[in-house]
Amino acid sequence: MLKSTTASLKPADVEKKWIHIDAEGVVVGRLATFIANRLRGKHRGDYTPHVDCGDYVVVTNVDKVVFTGKKNTDKIYYRHTGHPGGVKQTTPEKVLNGRFPERVLEKAVERMLPKESPLARKQMTHLRLFAGSTHDHEAQKPETIDFASASPKNTRSV
């Protein structure tokens, strides 16, 4: 009798790569989906859902990402302070022009990963975001991916 088995990756067998993406003029949602798939490892042929088999992702020029339509001013991010009546709101425009512009892309990617799991938290540590055009990971020799020219829908004029 023949048995068919599914090959499953083991954590020791995973070889992680480093990739670099320039986010200047790129649409936030499209970039976040690409990054989330890379962090999870869904681009691999031997993808295993319960194993961290994704790549390390370095993104530069995060402060220059764009939104389509009027989302830059009309979209609202909510958070709660934990106190009664402590609902705070802000827009992507305020966050991008503020002190931590990388939070827009960080939250977009985080919300595309599995919810509240130890694996998702570990995969989020493999995402490195930089507001400027330089990054600290040249020693890892990341492979540069030209995400902006992969599809004409990936970019918008500011």
C-alpha atoms as a PDB file:
ATOM      1  CA  MET A   1       0.000   0.000   0.000  1.00  0.00           C
ATOM      2  CA  LEU A   2       1.365   3.423  -0.962  1.00  0.00           C
ATOM      3  CA  LYS A   3       1.280   6.246   1.509  1.00  0.00           C
ATOM      4  CA  SER A   4       1.531   9.861   0.530  1.00  0.00           C
ATOM      5  CA  THR A   5       3.166  12.190   3.005  1.00  0.00           C
ATOM      6  CA  THR A   6       3.504  15.935   2.936  1.00  0.00           C
ATOM      7  CA  ALA A   7       7.033  17.221   3.324  1.00  0.00           C
ATOM      8  CA  SER A   8       7.168  19.668   6.203  1.00  0.00           C
ATOM      9  CA  LEU A   9       9.996  22.092   6.906  1.00  0.00           C
ATOM     10  CA  LYS A  10      11.840  21.866  10.167  1.00  0.00           C
ATOM     11  CA  PRO A  11      13.154  25.051  11.810  1.00  0.00           C
ATOM     12  CA  ALA A  12      16.755  23.830  11.469  1.00  0.00           C
ATOM     13  CA  ASP A  13      16.369  23.394   7.680  1.00  0.00           C
ATOM     14  CA  VAL A  14      15.254  26.983   6.971  1.00  0.00           C
ATOM     15  CA  GLU A  15      17.682  29.239   5.118  1.00  0.00           C
ATOM     16  CA  LYS A  16      16.714  32.882   5.510  1.00  0.00           C
ATOM     17  CA  LYS A  17      17.687  35.560   3.003  1.00  0.00           C
ATOM     18  CA  TRP A  18      17.899  39.318   3.435  1.00  0.00           C
ATOM     19  CA  ILE A  19      16.001  41.514   0.978  1.00  0.00           C
ATOM     20  CA  HIS A  20      15.996  45.302   0.592  1.00  0.00           C
ATOM     21  CA  ILE A  21      13.090  47.378  -0.748  1.00  0.00           C
ATOM     22  CA  ASP A  22      13.065  51.106  -1.529  1.00  0.00           C
ATOM     23  CA  ALA A  23       9.606  52.419  -0.594  1.00  0.00           C
ATOM     24  CA  GLU A  24       9.798  55.851  -2.194  1.00  0.00           C
ATOM     25  CA  GLY A  25       6.504  56.619  -3.980  1.00  0.00           C
ATOM     26  CA  VAL A  26       5.108  53.117  -3.378  1.00  0.00           C
ATOM     27  CA  VAL A  27       1.475  52.467  -2.359  1.00  0.00           C
ATOM     28  CA  VAL A  28       1.293  51.384   1.295  1.00  0.00           C
ATOM     29  CA  GLY A  29      -1.205  48.520   0.984  1.00  0.00           C
ATOM     30  CA  ARG A  30       0.511  46.844  -1.959  1.00  0.00           C
ATOM     31  CA  LEU A  31       3.908  47.068  -0.284  1.00  0.00           C
ATOM     32  CA  ALA A  32       2.531  45.765   3.028  1.00  0.00           C
ATOM     33  CA  THR A  33       1.051  42.694   1.315  1.00  0.00           C
ATOM     34  CA  PHE A  34       4.336  41.923  -0.405  1.00  0.00           C
ATOM     35  CA  ILE A  35       6.292  42.318   2.850  1.00  0.00           C
ATOM     36  CA  ALA A  36       3.818  40.186   4.832  1.00  0.00           C
ATOM     37  CA  ASN A  37       4.120  37.346   2.306  1.00  0.00           C
ATOM     38  CA  ARG A  38       7.925  37.561   2.446  1.00  0.00           C
ATOM     39  CA  LEU A  39       7.968  37.581   6.255  1.00  0.00           C
ATOM     40  CA  ARG A  40       5.707  34.515   6.437  1.00  0.00           C
ATOM     41  CA  GLY A  41       7.603  32.644   3.699  1.00  0.00           C
ATOM     42  CA  LYS A  42       4.605  32.157   1.411  1.00  0.00           C
ATOM     43  CA  HIS A  43       6.782  32.883  -1.635  1.00  0.00           C
ATOM     44  CA  ARG A  44       8.673  29.610  -1.042  1.00  0.00           C
ATOM     45  CA  GLY A  45       7.756  26.268  -2.537  1.00  0.00           C
ATOM     46  CA  ASP A  46       8.348  24.507   0.768  1.00  0.00           C
ATOM     47  CA  TYR A  47       6.193  26.906   2.852  1.00  0.00           C
ATOM     48  CA  THR A  48       5.061  25.458   6.176  1.00  0.00           C
ATOM     49  CA  PRO A  49       2.456  27.465   8.135  1.00  0.00           C
ATOM     50  CA  HIS A  50       3.725  26.646  11.635  1.00  0.00           C
ATOM     51  CA  VAL A  51       7.425  27.291  10.927  1.00  0.00           C
ATOM     52  CA  ASP A  52       9.126  30.669  10.624  1.00  0.00           C
ATOM     53  CA  CYS A  53      10.478  30.226   7.094  1.00  0.00           C
ATOM     54  CA  GLY A  54      10.295  33.837   5.877  1.00  0.00           C
ATOM     55  CA  ASP A  55      13.041  36.261   4.960  1.00  0.00           C
ATOM     56  CA  TYR A  56      14.465  39.313   6.691  1.00  0.00           C
ATOM     57  CA  VAL A  57      13.083  42.464   5.047  1.00  0.00           C
ATOM     58  CA  VAL A  58      14.819  45.862   5.127  1.00  0.00           C
ATOM     59  CA  VAL A  59      12.743  48.811   3.880  1.00  0.00           C
ATOM     60  CA  THR A  60      14.178  52.297   3.327  1.00  0.00           C
ATOM     61  CA  ASN A  61      12.466  55.636   2.568  1.00  0.00           C
ATOM     62  CA  VAL A  62       9.408  54.599   4.574  1.00  0.00           C
ATOM     63  CA  ASP A  63       8.550  58.259   5.140  1.00  0.00           C
ATOM     64  CA  LYS A  64       7.912  58.660   1.387  1.00  0.00           C
ATOM     65  CA  VAL A  65       5.179  56.034   0.952  1.00  0.00           C
ATOM     66  CA  VAL A  66       1.870  57.176  -0.547  1.00  0.00           C
ATOM     67  CA  PHE A  67      -1.803  56.332  -0.225  1.00  0.00           C
ATOM     68  CA  THR A  68      -4.319  56.168  -3.063  1.00  0.00           C
ATOM     69  CA  GLY A  69      -7.288  58.501  -3.211  1.00  0.00           C
ATOM     70  CA  LYS A  70      -7.945  60.701  -0.189  1.00  0.00           C
ATOM     71  CA  LYS A  71      -6.812  58.113   2.367  1.00  0.00           C
ATOM     72  CA  ASN A  72      -3.920  60.320   3.447  1.00  0.00           C
ATOM     73  CA  THR A  73      -6.342  62.774   5.066  1.00  0.00           C
ATOM     74  CA  ASP A  74      -9.619  60.821   5.401  1.00  0.00           C
ATOM     75  CA  LYS A  75      -8.368  57.516   6.836  1.00  0.00           C
ATOM     76  CA  ILE A  76      -8.406  57.475  10.634  1.00  0.00           C
ATOM     77  CA  TYR A  77      -6.230  55.403  12.958  1.00  0.00           C
ATOM     78  CA  TYR A  78      -7.763  54.790  16.385  1.00  0.00           C
ATOM     79  CA  ARG A  79      -6.013  53.813  19.604  1.00  0.00           C
ATOM     80  CA  HIS A  80      -7.087  53.677  23.218  1.00  0.00           C
ATOM     81  CA  THR A  81      -5.122  54.925  26.205  1.00  0.00           C
ATOM     82  CA  GLY A  82      -6.738  52.439  28.573  1.00  0.00           C
ATOM     83  CA  HIS A  83      -8.581  55.116  30.545  1.00  0.00           C
ATOM     84  CA  PRO A  84     -12.325  55.828  30.300  1.00  0.00           C
ATOM     85  CA  GLY A  85     -12.991  58.039  27.293  1.00  0.00           C
ATOM     86  CA  GLY A  86      -9.410  57.596  26.144  1.00  0.00           C
ATOM     87  CA  VAL A  87     -10.014  57.007  22.434  1.00  0.00           C
ATOM     88  CA  LYS A  88      -7.433  58.914  20.387  1.00  0.00           C
ATOM     89  CA  GLN A  89      -7.396  59.302  16.626  1.00  0.00           C
ATOM     90  CA  THR A  90      -4.920  60.424  14.006  1.00  0.00           C
ATOM     91  CA  THR A  91      -4.494  60.385  10.224  1.00  0.00           C
ATOM     92  CA  PRO A  92      -1.717  58.864   8.098  1.00  0.00           C
ATOM     93  CA  GLU A  93      -0.665  62.360   7.051  1.00  0.00           C
ATOM     94  CA  LYS A  94       0.044  63.342  10.676  1.00  0.00           C
ATOM     95  CA  VAL A  95       1.917  60.107  11.356  1.00  0.00           C
ATOM     96  CA  LEU A  96       4.072  60.366   8.199  1.00  0.00           C
ATOM     97  CA  ASN A  97       4.970  63.987   9.007  1.00  0.00           C
ATOM     98  CA  GLY A  98       5.516  63.181  12.679  1.00  0.00           C
ATOM     99  CA  ARG A  99       8.312  61.708  14.723  1.00  0.00           C
ATOM    100  CA  PHE A 100       7.891  58.021  13.767  1.00  0.00           C
ATOM    101  CA  PRO A 101       6.796  57.807  10.098  1.00  0.00           C
ATOM    102  CA  GLU A 102       7.705  54.099   9.902  1.00  0.00           C
ATOM    103  CA  ARG A 103       4.709  53.217  12.102  1.00  0.00           C
ATOM    104  CA  VAL A 104       2.303  53.530   9.161  1.00  0.00           C
ATOM    105  CA  LEU A 105       3.942  50.664   7.266  1.00  0.00           C
ATOM    106  CA  GLU A 106       4.718  48.707  10.438  1.00  0.00           C
ATOM    107  CA  LYS A 107       1.050  48.619  11.485  1.00  0.00           C
ATOM    108  CA  ALA A 108      -0.095  47.802   7.937  1.00  0.00           C
ATOM    109  CA  VAL A 109       2.208  44.761   7.813  1.00  0.00           C
ATOM    110  CA  GLU A 110       1.412  43.716  11.387  1.00  0.00           C
ATOM    111  CA  ARG A 111      -2.305  43.643  10.611  1.00  0.00           C
ATOM    112  CA  MET A 112      -1.707  41.341   7.632  1.00  0.00           C
ATOM    113  CA  LEU A 113       0.040  38.667   9.718  1.00  0.00           C
ATOM    114  CA  PRO A 114      -1.801  36.061  11.815  1.00  0.00           C
ATOM    115  CA  LYS A 115      -3.407  37.681  14.802  1.00  0.00           C
ATOM    116  CA  GLU A 116      -1.836  37.665  18.258  1.00  0.00           C
ATOM    117  CA  SER A 117       0.379  34.638  17.892  1.00  0.00           C
ATOM    118  CA  PRO A 118       3.952  34.024  19.026  1.00  0.00           C
ATOM    119  CA  LEU A 119       4.885  33.170  15.433  1.00  0.00           C
ATOM    120  CA  ALA A 120       3.554  36.503  14.117  1.00  0.00           C
ATOM    121  CA  ARG A 121       5.455  38.416  16.813  1.00  0.00           C
ATOM    122  CA  LYS A 122       8.655  36.590  15.874  1.00  0.00           C
ATOM    123  CA  GLN A 123       8.113  37.289  12.168  1.00  0.00           C
ATOM    124  CA  MET A 124       7.588  40.994  12.882  1.00  0.00           C
ATOM    125  CA  THR A 125      11.069  41.155  14.441  1.00  0.00           C
ATOM    126  CA  HIS A 126      12.475  40.300  10.990  1.00  0.00           C
ATOM    127  CA  LEU A 127      11.121  43.560   9.529  1.00  0.00           C
ATOM    128  CA  ARG A 128      13.514  46.520   9.643  1.00  0.00           C
ATOM    129  CA  LEU A 129      12.127  49.937   8.659  1.00  0.00           C
ATOM    130  CA  PHE A 130      14.174  53.096   8.057  1.00  0.00           C
ATOM    131  CA  ALA A 131      12.853  56.589   7.349  1.00  0.00           C
ATOM    132  CA  GLY A 132      15.937  57.646   5.393  1.00  0.00           C
ATOM    133  CA  SER A 133      17.693  56.141   2.401  1.00  0.00           C
ATOM    134  CA  THR A 134      20.438  54.440   4.428  1.00  0.00           C
ATOM    135  CA  HIS A 135      20.209  51.354   6.624  1.00  0.00           C
ATOM    136  CA  ASP A 136      22.381  49.458   9.099  1.00  0.00           C
ATOM    137  CA  HIS A 137      22.304  46.066   7.370  1.00  0.00           C
ATOM    138  CA  GLU A 138      24.851  46.402   4.557  1.00  0.00           C
ATOM    139  CA  ALA A 139      26.955  43.652   6.159  1.00  0.00           C
ATOM    140  CA  GLN A 140      24.170  41.101   5.513  1.00  0.00           C
ATOM    141  CA  LYS A 141      24.358  41.913   1.760  1.00  0.00           C
ATOM    142  CA  PRO A 142      20.587  42.133   1.167  1.00  0.00           C
ATOM    143  CA  GLU A 143      19.245  41.386  -2.287  1.00  0.00           C
ATOM    144  CA  THR A 144      17.563  44.531  -3.665  1.00  0.00           C
ATOM    145  CA  ILE A 145      14.064  44.059  -5.030  1.00  0.00           C
ATOM    146  CA  ASP A 146      12.705  46.800  -7.298  1.00  0.00           C
ATOM    147  CA  PHE A 147       9.116  46.665  -6.072  1.00  0.00           C
ATOM    148  CA  ALA A 148       8.117  49.995  -7.626  1.00  0.00           C
ATOM    149  CA  SER A 149       8.688  48.836 -11.203  1.00  0.00           C
ATOM    150  CA  ALA A 150       7.166  45.357 -10.742  1.00  0.00           C
ATOM    151  CA  SER A 151       3.701  46.708 -11.620  1.00  0.00           C
ATOM    152  CA  PRO A 152       2.475  50.174 -12.671  1.00  0.00           C
ATOM    153  CA  LYS A 153      -0.129  49.985  -9.876  1.00  0.00           C
ATOM    154  CA  ASN A 154       2.590  49.800  -7.224  1.00  0.00           C
ATOM    155  CA  THR A 155       3.430  53.505  -7.492  1.00  0.00           C
ATOM    156  CA  ARG A 156       1.479  56.740  -7.436  1.00  0.00           C
ATOM    157  CA  SER A 157       2.646  60.263  -8.098  1.00  0.00           C
ATOM    158  CA  VAL A 158       2.591  62.380  -4.972  1.00  0.00           C
END
